[in-house]
Amino acid sequence: MTTVAQTQLSPAEEAWDILRQLLGAERRRFLAAAAELDLHPAQAGALMKMEPGTAMPMHELAMMLSCDNSNVTGIVDRLEARGLVTRRPYAQDRRVKHVVLTPAGTDVRTRVRGHMAKVPEAIGRLSLTDQRLLRDVLRRAVESG
């Protein structure tokens, strides 16, 4: 299924259309994983951005999630209410709050990441030769950017 008639597309446009379809399927898989863990997608995204044992300034988390600081406050409020994160004041500037995963938060993060680490079926069905070719082409695209 394509979103635009393939006959009208350049090879680059067709490749991008196909990648968007694959990414859309992955987005749906992410949403399902978040729902399975009773998380809002923004909460699951926040957990995935955090590293266990590492305090992260809330404004940095906002940048990583491409959202406003006030939105991160709400996300962290809900994660904190579930016991998945804690807030800590920054010693050098008590106005700055850091957020840290709790052991329960680390467990939920591991589960979300586990869901998303699974190779999409569409890629897994490819032959090993095609998987290598796809990997190599995508690597070159990333490295040329």
C-alpha atoms as a PDB file:
ATOM      1  CA  MET A   1       0.000   0.000   0.000  1.00  0.00           C
ATOM      2  CA  THR A   2       1.434   3.364  -0.985  1.00  0.00           C
ATOM      3  CA  THR A   3       0.208   6.837  -0.193  1.00  0.00           C
ATOM      4  CA  VAL A   4       1.005   8.292  -3.625  1.00  0.00           C
ATOM      5  CA  ALA A   5       0.921   6.579  -7.008  1.00  0.00           C
ATOM      6  CA  GLN A   6       4.364   5.034  -7.464  1.00  0.00           C
ATOM      7  CA  THR A   7       4.487   6.007 -11.122  1.00  0.00           C
ATOM      8  CA  GLN A   8       4.669   9.670 -10.083  1.00  0.00           C
ATOM      9  CA  LEU A   9       7.525   9.199  -7.629  1.00  0.00           C
ATOM     10  CA  SER A  10      11.261   9.370  -8.067  1.00  0.00           C
ATOM     11  CA  PRO A  11      13.189   6.422  -6.580  1.00  0.00           C
ATOM     12  CA  ALA A  12      14.096   8.588  -3.573  1.00  0.00           C
ATOM     13  CA  GLU A  13      10.476   9.621  -3.051  1.00  0.00           C
ATOM     14  CA  GLU A  14       9.310   6.025  -3.394  1.00  0.00           C
ATOM     15  CA  ALA A  15      11.934   4.852  -0.864  1.00  0.00           C
ATOM     16  CA  TRP A  16      10.838   7.561   1.569  1.00  0.00           C
ATOM     17  CA  ASP A  17       7.178   6.605   1.102  1.00  0.00           C
ATOM     18  CA  ILE A  18       8.014   2.991   1.907  1.00  0.00           C
ATOM     19  CA  LEU A  19      10.085   3.989   4.956  1.00  0.00           C
ATOM     20  CA  ARG A  20       7.203   6.125   6.243  1.00  0.00           C
ATOM     21  CA  GLN A  21       4.902   3.121   5.970  1.00  0.00           C
ATOM     22  CA  LEU A  22       7.369   1.004   7.946  1.00  0.00           C
ATOM     23  CA  LEU A  23       7.821   3.746  10.550  1.00  0.00           C
ATOM     24  CA  GLY A  24       4.038   4.090  10.832  1.00  0.00           C
ATOM     25  CA  ALA A  25       3.770   0.392  11.615  1.00  0.00           C
ATOM     26  CA  GLU A  26       6.504   0.774  14.237  1.00  0.00           C
ATOM     27  CA  ARG A  27       4.670   3.727  15.763  1.00  0.00           C
ATOM     28  CA  ARG A  28       1.574   1.549  16.118  1.00  0.00           C
ATOM     29  CA  ARG A  29       3.716  -1.139  17.775  1.00  0.00           C
ATOM     30  CA  PHE A  30       5.127   1.472  20.185  1.00  0.00           C
ATOM     31  CA  LEU A  31       1.626   2.684  21.047  1.00  0.00           C
ATOM     32  CA  ALA A  32       0.516  -0.906  21.689  1.00  0.00           C
ATOM     33  CA  ALA A  33       3.544  -1.530  23.937  1.00  0.00           C
ATOM     34  CA  ALA A  34       2.808   1.653  25.909  1.00  0.00           C
ATOM     35  CA  ALA A  35      -0.856   0.711  26.274  1.00  0.00           C
ATOM     36  CA  GLU A  36       0.063  -2.809  27.408  1.00  0.00           C
ATOM     37  CA  LEU A  37       2.110  -1.246  30.212  1.00  0.00           C
ATOM     38  CA  ASP A  38      -0.668   1.262  31.004  1.00  0.00           C
ATOM     39  CA  LEU A  39       1.489   4.196  29.909  1.00  0.00           C
ATOM     40  CA  HIS A  40       0.656   7.242  27.842  1.00  0.00           C
ATOM     41  CA  PRO A  41       2.969   7.279  24.786  1.00  0.00           C
ATOM     42  CA  ALA A  42       4.708  10.399  26.133  1.00  0.00           C
ATOM     43  CA  GLN A  43       5.427   8.572  29.395  1.00  0.00           C
ATOM     44  CA  ALA A  44       6.839   5.560  27.543  1.00  0.00           C
ATOM     45  CA  GLY A  45       8.939   7.897  25.409  1.00  0.00           C
ATOM     46  CA  ALA A  46      10.300   9.632  28.496  1.00  0.00           C
ATOM     47  CA  LEU A  47      11.246   6.323  30.092  1.00  0.00           C
ATOM     48  CA  MET A  48      13.038   5.260  26.916  1.00  0.00           C
ATOM     49  CA  LYS A  49      15.098   8.477  26.896  1.00  0.00           C
ATOM     50  CA  MET A  50      16.287   8.055  30.475  1.00  0.00           C
ATOM     51  CA  GLU A  51      19.267   5.972  31.579  1.00  0.00           C
ATOM     52  CA  PRO A  52      19.135   3.930  34.789  1.00  0.00           C
ATOM     53  CA  GLY A  53      21.238   5.458  37.560  1.00  0.00           C
ATOM     54  CA  THR A  54      21.613   8.769  35.725  1.00  0.00           C
ATOM     55  CA  ALA A  55      19.903  11.947  36.879  1.00  0.00           C
ATOM     56  CA  MET A  56      18.535  13.958  33.964  1.00  0.00           C
ATOM     57  CA  PRO A  57      17.576  17.624  34.150  1.00  0.00           C
ATOM     58  CA  MET A  58      13.908  17.999  33.331  1.00  0.00           C
ATOM     59  CA  HIS A  59      14.643  20.680  30.713  1.00  0.00           C
ATOM     60  CA  GLU A  60      16.957  18.208  28.945  1.00  0.00           C
ATOM     61  CA  LEU A  61      14.217  15.584  28.942  1.00  0.00           C
ATOM     62  CA  ALA A  62      11.886  18.194  27.422  1.00  0.00           C
ATOM     63  CA  MET A  63      14.395  18.831  24.633  1.00  0.00           C
ATOM     64  CA  MET A  64      14.792  15.100  23.968  1.00  0.00           C
ATOM     65  CA  LEU A  65      11.008  14.699  23.758  1.00  0.00           C
ATOM     66  CA  SER A  66      10.644  17.865  21.640  1.00  0.00           C
ATOM     67  CA  CYS A  67       8.119  19.345  23.999  1.00  0.00           C
ATOM     68  CA  ASP A  68       7.700  22.270  26.362  1.00  0.00           C
ATOM     69  CA  ASN A  69       9.029  22.163  29.936  1.00  0.00           C
ATOM     70  CA  SER A  70       5.475  22.415  31.272  1.00  0.00           C
ATOM     71  CA  ASN A  71       4.513  19.278  29.325  1.00  0.00           C
ATOM     72  CA  VAL A  72       7.428  17.372  30.847  1.00  0.00           C
ATOM     73  CA  THR A  73       6.273  18.430  34.291  1.00  0.00           C
ATOM     74  CA  GLY A  74       2.945  16.679  33.684  1.00  0.00           C
ATOM     75  CA  ILE A  75       4.638  13.590  32.240  1.00  0.00           C
ATOM     76  CA  VAL A  76       7.006  13.371  35.211  1.00  0.00           C
ATOM     77  CA  ASP A  77       4.128  14.012  37.657  1.00  0.00           C
ATOM     78  CA  ARG A  78       2.311  10.946  36.322  1.00  0.00           C
ATOM     79  CA  LEU A  79       5.459   8.793  36.240  1.00  0.00           C
ATOM     80  CA  GLU A  80       6.282   9.861  39.791  1.00  0.00           C
ATOM     81  CA  ALA A  81       2.744   9.041  40.959  1.00  0.00           C
ATOM     82  CA  ARG A  82       3.265   5.493  39.673  1.00  0.00           C
ATOM     83  CA  GLY A  83       6.623   5.211  41.446  1.00  0.00           C
ATOM     84  CA  LEU A  84       8.591   5.004  38.202  1.00  0.00           C
ATOM     85  CA  VAL A  85      10.719   8.142  38.701  1.00  0.00           C
ATOM     86  CA  THR A  86      11.730  10.526  41.463  1.00  0.00           C
ATOM     87  CA  ARG A  87      12.661  14.187  41.322  1.00  0.00           C
ATOM     88  CA  ARG A  88      15.802  15.537  42.895  1.00  0.00           C
ATOM     89  CA  PRO A  89      16.930  19.130  43.277  1.00  0.00           C
ATOM     90  CA  TYR A  90      20.204  19.981  41.560  1.00  0.00           C
ATOM     91  CA  ALA A  91      22.800  20.842  44.240  1.00  0.00           C
ATOM     92  CA  GLN A  92      24.249  23.817  42.317  1.00  0.00           C
ATOM     93  CA  ASP A  93      20.850  25.356  41.532  1.00  0.00           C
ATOM     94  CA  ARG A  94      17.854  24.187  43.548  1.00  0.00           C
ATOM     95  CA  ARG A  95      15.468  25.643  40.950  1.00  0.00           C
ATOM     96  CA  VAL A  96      16.643  22.935  38.536  1.00  0.00           C
ATOM     97  CA  LYS A  97      15.032  19.549  39.059  1.00  0.00           C
ATOM     98  CA  HIS A  98      16.551  16.267  37.957  1.00  0.00           C
ATOM     99  CA  VAL A  99      14.521  13.172  37.321  1.00  0.00           C
ATOM    100  CA  VAL A 100      15.824   9.680  38.092  1.00  0.00           C
ATOM    101  CA  LEU A 101      14.412   6.254  37.303  1.00  0.00           C
ATOM    102  CA  THR A 102      13.389   4.161  40.294  1.00  0.00           C
ATOM    103  CA  PRO A 103      13.991   0.394  40.235  1.00  0.00           C
ATOM    104  CA  ALA A 104      10.349  -0.023  39.106  1.00  0.00           C
ATOM    105  CA  GLY A 105      10.902   2.610  36.414  1.00  0.00           C
ATOM    106  CA  THR A 106      14.019   0.815  35.233  1.00  0.00           C
ATOM    107  CA  ASP A 107      12.000  -2.401  34.952  1.00  0.00           C
ATOM    108  CA  VAL A 108       9.223  -0.759  32.935  1.00  0.00           C
ATOM    109  CA  ARG A 109      11.817   0.987  30.730  1.00  0.00           C
ATOM    110  CA  THR A 110      13.463  -2.377  30.060  1.00  0.00           C
ATOM    111  CA  ARG A 111      10.105  -3.844  29.077  1.00  0.00           C
ATOM    112  CA  VAL A 112       9.279  -0.970  26.685  1.00  0.00           C
ATOM    113  CA  ARG A 113      12.735  -1.153  25.124  1.00  0.00           C
ATOM    114  CA  GLY A 114      12.394  -4.926  24.842  1.00  0.00           C
ATOM    115  CA  HIS A 115       9.180  -4.555  22.859  1.00  0.00           C
ATOM    116  CA  MET A 116      10.778  -2.028  20.535  1.00  0.00           C
ATOM    117  CA  ALA A 117      14.046  -3.941  20.098  1.00  0.00           C
ATOM    118  CA  LYS A 118      12.228  -6.753  18.317  1.00  0.00           C
ATOM    119  CA  VAL A 119      12.911  -6.693  14.596  1.00  0.00           C
ATOM    120  CA  PRO A 120       9.791  -5.692  12.658  1.00  0.00           C
ATOM    121  CA  GLU A 121       8.233  -8.653  10.861  1.00  0.00           C
ATOM    122  CA  ALA A 122       8.569  -6.873   7.525  1.00  0.00           C
ATOM    123  CA  ILE A 123      12.355  -6.791   7.930  1.00  0.00           C
ATOM    124  CA  GLY A 124      12.622 -10.208   9.547  1.00  0.00           C
ATOM    125  CA  ARG A 125      10.877 -11.801   6.552  1.00  0.00           C
ATOM    126  CA  LEU A 126      13.556 -10.531   4.181  1.00  0.00           C
ATOM    127  CA  SER A 127      16.313 -12.868   3.106  1.00  0.00           C
ATOM    128  CA  LEU A 128      19.621 -12.490   4.934  1.00  0.00           C
ATOM    129  CA  THR A 129      21.085 -10.983   1.768  1.00  0.00           C
ATOM    130  CA  ASP A 130      18.303  -8.382   1.606  1.00  0.00           C
ATOM    131  CA  GLN A 131      18.656  -7.635   5.332  1.00  0.00           C
ATOM    132  CA  ARG A 132      22.366  -6.921   4.822  1.00  0.00           C
ATOM    133  CA  LEU A 133      21.632  -4.801   1.765  1.00  0.00           C
ATOM    134  CA  LEU A 134      18.991  -2.806   3.648  1.00  0.00           C
ATOM    135  CA  ARG A 135      21.376  -2.322   6.576  1.00  0.00           C
ATOM    136  CA  ASP A 136      24.173  -1.146   4.303  1.00  0.00           C
ATOM    137  CA  VAL A 137      21.982   1.247   2.307  1.00  0.00           C
ATOM    138  CA  LEU A 138      20.471   2.750   5.477  1.00  0.00           C
ATOM    139  CA  ARG A 139      23.923   3.093   7.028  1.00  0.00           C
ATOM    140  CA  ARG A 140      25.164   4.974   3.976  1.00  0.00           C
ATOM    141  CA  ALA A 141      22.116   7.245   4.085  1.00  0.00           C
ATOM    142  CA  VAL A 142      22.728   8.061   7.764  1.00  0.00           C
ATOM    143  CA  GLU A 143      26.470   8.558   7.290  1.00  0.00           C
ATOM    144  CA  SER A 144      25.974  10.893   4.312  1.00  0.00           C
ATOM    145  CA  GLY A 145      23.625  13.144   6.282  1.00  0.00           C
END
